[in-house]
Amino acid sequence: MSQTRDASVFLHIGAKKTGKTTDTLNMCRDLWEHQQKPCLVYNIGNQSHYDDFQEIDLSDIPKFNALAARSKLPWFQIKTIESDALFRSIVTYVRNAVIVLEDSTSYAVGNLSKPFREMILANRNSGNDLIINLHSLKDPAPFLFRSSEYIILRQTSDDPNKLPDKVLAPEKVILAMLDIRETNEFNGNRYAAKLISLQDL
């Protein structure tokens, strides 16, 4: 087995049409070019941005790394509704990859399943970077804030004066929200983003 590489959990939070998916694709590209990490997108919402990704199913996950090794550009998507089965299989078989959880509201909010929690906790041993895409700071379960190394924050509907208690580093988050709002107003769009580190808390 190849040596396990560094890995992080990214909470990628922004309203619709703020550039989350485009930025996610850029992260996948960068991690492939610099660390040779293949990408697996859990595309439960059937986002068209991933139409060029090779579609696989649950039966392919045990051989994911072998499939990636044979691919010139190892970008894959899976659309199964069996979320927990997918998470268990990722923990068992997938190593040194980028796992994108696109539009993850249906399983990353509220009470998290045991397989989902185990996948988050296993990322360091597996070398899998996790990118969890959500729409609001209200969405992630507290466990996800505690288990993430970074927040990639974009414009949201959240009020900086009424952040949920579960949000870590609220001062950093508020400053980032205000800066994002100012930058978007200046540029006349919604695409500004800030990277917030949670590692030193």
Protein backbone atom coordinates (compact mmCIF):
# COMPACT_ATOMS: atom_id res chain seq x y z
CA MET A 1 0.00 0.00 0.00
CA SER A 2 1.27 3.48 -0.80
CA GLN A 3 2.23 5.78 2.05
CA THR A 4 -0.69 7.68 3.57
CA ARG A 5 -0.58 11.37 2.66
CA ASP A 6 -1.64 14.40 4.67
CA ALA A 7 -5.38 14.97 4.73
CA SER A 8 -7.86 17.56 6.00
CA VAL A 9 -11.58 18.04 6.43
CA PHE A 10 -12.96 21.17 4.74
CA LEU A 11 -16.40 22.56 5.55
CA HIS A 12 -17.27 24.45 2.35
CA ILE A 13 -20.20 26.71 3.16
CA GLY A 14 -22.03 29.07 0.83
CA ALA A 15 -25.43 29.85 -0.61
CA LYS A 16 -26.38 28.61 -4.07
CA LYS A 17 -24.59 30.24 -7.00
CA THR A 18 -21.67 31.53 -4.93
CA GLY A 19 -19.00 29.42 -6.63
CA LYS A 20 -18.85 26.35 -4.34
CA THR A 21 -18.90 23.76 -7.10
CA THR A 22 -16.43 25.65 -9.31
CA ASP A 23 -14.05 26.04 -6.37
CA THR A 24 -14.48 22.36 -5.49
CA LEU A 25 -13.47 21.38 -9.02
CA ASN A 26 -10.40 23.61 -8.74
CA MET A 27 -9.45 21.95 -5.44
CA CYS A 28 -9.78 18.50 -7.03
CA ARG A 29 -7.56 19.62 -9.88
CA ASP A 30 -4.92 21.10 -7.55
CA LEU A 31 -4.83 18.03 -5.29
CA TRP A 32 -4.41 15.78 -8.31
CA GLU A 33 -1.63 17.91 -9.82
CA HIS A 34 0.31 18.38 -6.58
CA GLN A 35 -0.45 15.23 -4.56
CA GLN A 36 -1.73 12.79 -7.19
CA LYS A 37 -4.98 12.30 -5.27
CA PRO A 38 -7.90 10.92 -7.30
CA CYS A 39 -11.34 12.42 -6.71
CA LEU A 40 -14.61 10.74 -5.76
CA VAL A 41 -17.73 12.94 -5.71
CA TYR A 42 -20.83 11.77 -3.87
CA ASN A 43 -23.25 13.49 -6.24
CA ILE A 44 -26.55 12.55 -4.64
CA GLY A 45 -28.19 15.69 -6.09
CA ASN A 46 -27.07 14.86 -9.64
CA GLN A 47 -25.21 18.14 -10.17
CA SER A 48 -24.48 18.63 -13.87
CA HIS A 49 -21.05 20.15 -13.11
CA TYR A 50 -19.78 16.59 -12.65
CA ASP A 51 -21.12 15.20 -15.94
CA ASP A 52 -17.55 14.66 -17.19
CA PHE A 53 -16.69 12.52 -14.15
CA GLN A 54 -16.83 8.77 -14.71
CA GLU A 55 -19.88 7.34 -12.93
CA ILE A 56 -19.32 4.30 -10.73
CA ASP A 57 -21.50 2.41 -8.25
CA LEU A 58 -21.08 0.84 -4.82
CA SER A 59 -19.64 -2.37 -6.22
CA ASP A 60 -16.72 -0.37 -7.67
CA ILE A 61 -15.61 1.20 -4.38
CA PRO A 62 -13.52 -1.81 -3.20
CA LYS A 63 -11.39 -1.39 -6.34
CA PHE A 64 -11.48 2.43 -6.38
CA ASN A 65 -7.72 2.96 -6.05
CA ALA A 66 -7.03 0.38 -8.76
CA LEU A 67 -9.54 2.13 -11.06
CA ALA A 68 -7.88 5.46 -10.32
CA ALA A 69 -4.42 4.09 -11.06
CA ARG A 70 -5.59 3.05 -14.55
CA SER A 71 -7.20 6.40 -15.36
CA LYS A 72 -5.41 9.31 -17.01
CA LEU A 73 -7.65 11.74 -15.08
CA PRO A 74 -9.08 9.78 -12.11
CA TRP A 75 -12.23 11.76 -11.38
CA PHE A 76 -15.29 9.72 -10.45
CA GLN A 77 -18.82 10.32 -9.23
CA ILE A 78 -21.31 8.11 -7.46
CA LYS A 79 -25.05 8.75 -7.04
CA THR A 80 -26.20 5.94 -4.77
CA ILE A 81 -28.94 6.65 -2.24
CA GLU A 82 -27.31 4.14 0.13
CA SER A 83 -25.26 6.78 1.96
CA ASP A 84 -24.17 4.72 4.95
CA ALA A 85 -23.10 1.78 2.77
CA LEU A 86 -20.97 4.19 0.75
CA PHE A 87 -19.38 5.72 3.84
CA ARG A 88 -18.53 2.28 5.26
CA SER A 89 -16.98 1.23 1.96
CA ILE A 90 -14.90 4.42 1.72
CA VAL A 91 -13.50 3.81 5.23
CA THR A 92 -12.60 0.22 4.32
CA TYR A 93 -11.22 0.60 0.82
CA VAL A 94 -10.43 4.17 -0.33
CA ARG A 95 -7.01 5.66 0.38
CA ASN A 96 -5.21 8.91 -0.50
CA ALA A 97 -8.17 10.42 -2.36
CA VAL A 98 -10.32 13.54 -2.36
CA ILE A 99 -13.87 12.77 -1.24
CA VAL A 100 -16.36 15.47 -2.22
CA LEU A 101 -19.72 15.40 -0.45
CA GLU A 102 -21.76 17.58 -2.79
CA ASP A 103 -24.98 19.09 -1.43
CA SER A 104 -24.64 17.05 1.75
CA THR A 105 -27.63 18.48 3.65
CA SER A 106 -29.50 15.16 3.72
CA TYR A 107 -26.85 13.41 5.87
CA ALA A 108 -24.53 16.10 7.37
CA VAL A 109 -27.15 17.98 9.40
CA GLY A 110 -28.60 17.06 12.79
CA ASN A 111 -27.93 13.57 14.14
CA LEU A 112 -25.13 12.06 12.08
CA SER A 113 -25.07 8.36 11.32
CA LYS A 114 -22.30 6.23 12.81
CA PRO A 115 -20.81 5.37 9.36
CA PHE A 116 -20.65 9.06 8.46
CA ARG A 117 -18.91 9.93 11.74
CA GLU A 118 -16.46 7.07 11.25
CA MET A 119 -15.57 8.29 7.76
CA ILE A 120 -14.83 11.77 9.14
CA LEU A 121 -12.68 10.39 11.95
CA ALA A 122 -10.81 8.00 9.66
CA ASN A 123 -9.60 10.65 7.24
CA ARG A 124 -6.16 11.06 8.82
CA ASN A 125 -5.42 7.32 8.73
CA SER A 126 -6.81 6.94 5.21
CA GLY A 127 -5.18 10.04 3.73
CA ASN A 128 -8.54 11.12 2.32
CA ASP A 129 -9.26 14.83 2.09
CA LEU A 130 -12.96 15.51 2.68
CA ILE A 131 -14.78 18.48 1.15
CA ILE A 132 -18.26 18.86 2.64
CA ASN A 133 -20.46 21.29 0.72
CA LEU A 134 -23.31 22.95 2.62
CA HIS A 135 -25.41 26.11 2.25
CA SER A 136 -25.39 27.78 5.68
CA LEU A 137 -23.49 27.95 8.96
CA LYS A 138 -26.67 26.63 10.55
CA ASP A 139 -26.36 23.36 8.60
CA PRO A 140 -23.33 21.41 9.88
CA ALA A 141 -23.79 19.26 12.95
CA PRO A 142 -21.57 20.41 15.87
CA PHE A 143 -19.44 17.29 15.37
CA LEU A 144 -18.44 18.57 11.91
CA PHE A 145 -17.20 21.89 13.26
CA ARG A 146 -15.15 20.04 15.89
CA SER A 147 -13.74 17.58 13.36
CA SER A 148 -12.80 19.98 10.56
CA GLU A 149 -9.45 21.65 10.00
CA TYR A 150 -10.82 24.42 7.77
CA ILE A 151 -13.94 26.34 6.81
CA ILE A 152 -14.10 27.67 3.28
CA LEU A 153 -16.70 30.40 3.72
CA ARG A 154 -18.67 32.13 1.00
CA GLN A 155 -21.72 34.37 1.03
CA THR A 156 -24.59 32.91 3.05
CA SER A 157 -27.92 34.05 4.46
CA ASP A 158 -26.48 33.87 8.00
CA ASP A 159 -26.58 36.93 10.24
CA PRO A 160 -23.09 37.66 11.63
CA ASN A 161 -24.71 38.99 14.80
CA LYS A 162 -26.66 35.76 15.40
CA LEU A 163 -24.26 32.92 14.72
CA PRO A 164 -25.19 29.49 16.12
CA ASP A 165 -23.28 28.58 19.30
CA LYS A 166 -21.80 25.55 17.55
CA VAL A 167 -19.74 27.76 15.19
CA LEU A 168 -16.09 27.66 16.27
CA ALA A 169 -13.88 30.74 16.08
CA PRO A 170 -16.86 33.10 15.82
CA GLU A 171 -14.65 36.20 15.73
CA LYS A 172 -12.79 34.85 12.72
CA VAL A 173 -16.04 33.86 11.06
CA ILE A 174 -17.67 37.26 11.60
CA LEU A 175 -14.66 39.10 10.17
CA ALA A 176 -14.65 36.75 7.16
CA MET A 177 -18.40 37.27 6.60
CA LEU A 178 -18.03 41.05 6.63
CA ASP A 179 -15.03 40.92 4.29
CA ILE A 180 -16.88 38.59 1.89
CA ARG A 181 -19.89 40.91 1.84
CA GLU A 182 -17.69 43.96 1.17
CA THR A 183 -15.72 42.20 -1.59
CA ASN A 184 -18.87 40.96 -3.30
CA GLU A 185 -20.43 44.42 -3.20
CA PHE A 186 -17.26 45.92 -4.69
CA ASN A 187 -17.02 43.29 -7.44
CA GLY A 188 -20.73 43.17 -8.16
CA ASN A 189 -20.95 39.36 -7.80
CA ARG A 190 -21.24 36.62 -5.13
CA TYR A 191 -17.97 34.71 -5.60
CA ALA A 192 -15.70 35.92 -2.76
CA ALA A 193 -14.44 33.28 -0.34
CA LYS A 194 -12.32 33.10 2.80
CA LEU A 195 -10.32 30.20 4.23
CA ILE A 196 -10.63 29.96 8.02
CA SER A 197 -8.30 27.67 9.93
CA LEU A 198 -9.70 25.78 12.92
CA GLN A 199 -6.47 23.93 13.68
CA ASP A 200 -5.13 26.17 16.45
CA LEU A 201 -8.30 26.44 18.55
